[in-house]
Structures are given as structure tokens and as C-alpha cells.
């Protein structure tokens, strides 16, 4: 319960600060309201699923997620809120003490997707892969999301990955495969995670 309340309060403060910097007193109010909504949802999820254990590791992960990696946590909280609005449900047994908020349903039945500390649609066969993304976010903090987005943009408009892509087993023979089979598995965060667990789509 304490972790949930603290998480919500931190996200309200973060939203208020961003709002104030963007739009003065009115922005502060709007930011605080947005922070309250997503912070309350995330805080409730953290508390009800027991995401952070009360041991040294759990406390350490909570502190990292709400300081250095706060931007990732807030974006993940927004992502979680959208999932819950669409009726998706928390995977409490998987979340318990894991340092991650797991959601049963994913964005797509073919893929699990992790943003911040929120992992949707994962299974035991790919959970280590998704946990790599959580670790990447914790390691790089506020740089993580910009670096991932920059890599997606770069590899979309300048597909250097075509030089080392496996054209025989994963041919790029239609437009959708350019992104699904080409860009996506070659961006740096996915390439690292696939080396640890999982098989890139073909």
C-alpha cells in the first residue's frame, strides 16, 4: 500500500512540474490532474498486485523507477491506464514481487509489449525478453525512450539493417514486412532482447 501511495504522489508532482514548465499555473493544474489520474491507476496496480517486495531489492527498484527512470514509469502508467480502460486485467500472480506490472492481454495477440515497467501480453516463453526492456529503461533512465524512438526513425528512413538482415529466412517482400520483419527486430533494444530470449519474427 505504501508503494502505491508514494508512486501516485510522485506522479502527481511530476505531472504538476511538467505542466508548470509548459504552461504556468494553468499548466500546473492540468499536469497535476493528469498525474493524479495515471498515478492513481498505477499506484493502485502496484499496491493490489504487490509489484514491489518490501525487501532491499524491491525498495531499490521502486526508488530507481521513481527517480532516474521516472519518465519511463510515467509513460508506462499512461500505457497501463489505456489497457485498463479497454477492460484488460492485471496479472497479479506474475506481478507479485517482480518489480513489473503485468497485464494479461497484449496490444496484439502476436506480441508482448513493454513500456516502462508495464508488460502486456507476455508469457513464460518471452518474459525474460520483456524484462530486458525494463532493465534497459532502468539503466538508461530518461534517455531510453528517446534513443528507441530515434533508432526506429533512423532504421525506417535509412535501413542500414538491410546490409546484415537474413534475407533468405526472413525475406522483405511486402510493405508490412519492412516494419515487422525488418525495422522492428533490428532496433538496438529489440536486437539485444532477442539475443537473450525469443526468436525474431520471420
Foldseek 3Di string as FASTA:
>chain_A
DVLLVVQLVLQLVVQLVVLCVVPNPVRSVVRNVLSNVLSNQVSVLCVVLQQAPPDPVSVVLSVLCSPLQVVQVSVQSVVVVVCVVVPWAWPSVVRRNNSATETCAAPDCVDWDDTARYIYNDDPQQVQLNVLLNVQSSVNHPVSVVLQVVQLVCCVVPVPVVVVAPCVVQNPDDDVSCVQVGSVCPRPSNVVSVVVGDDRDD
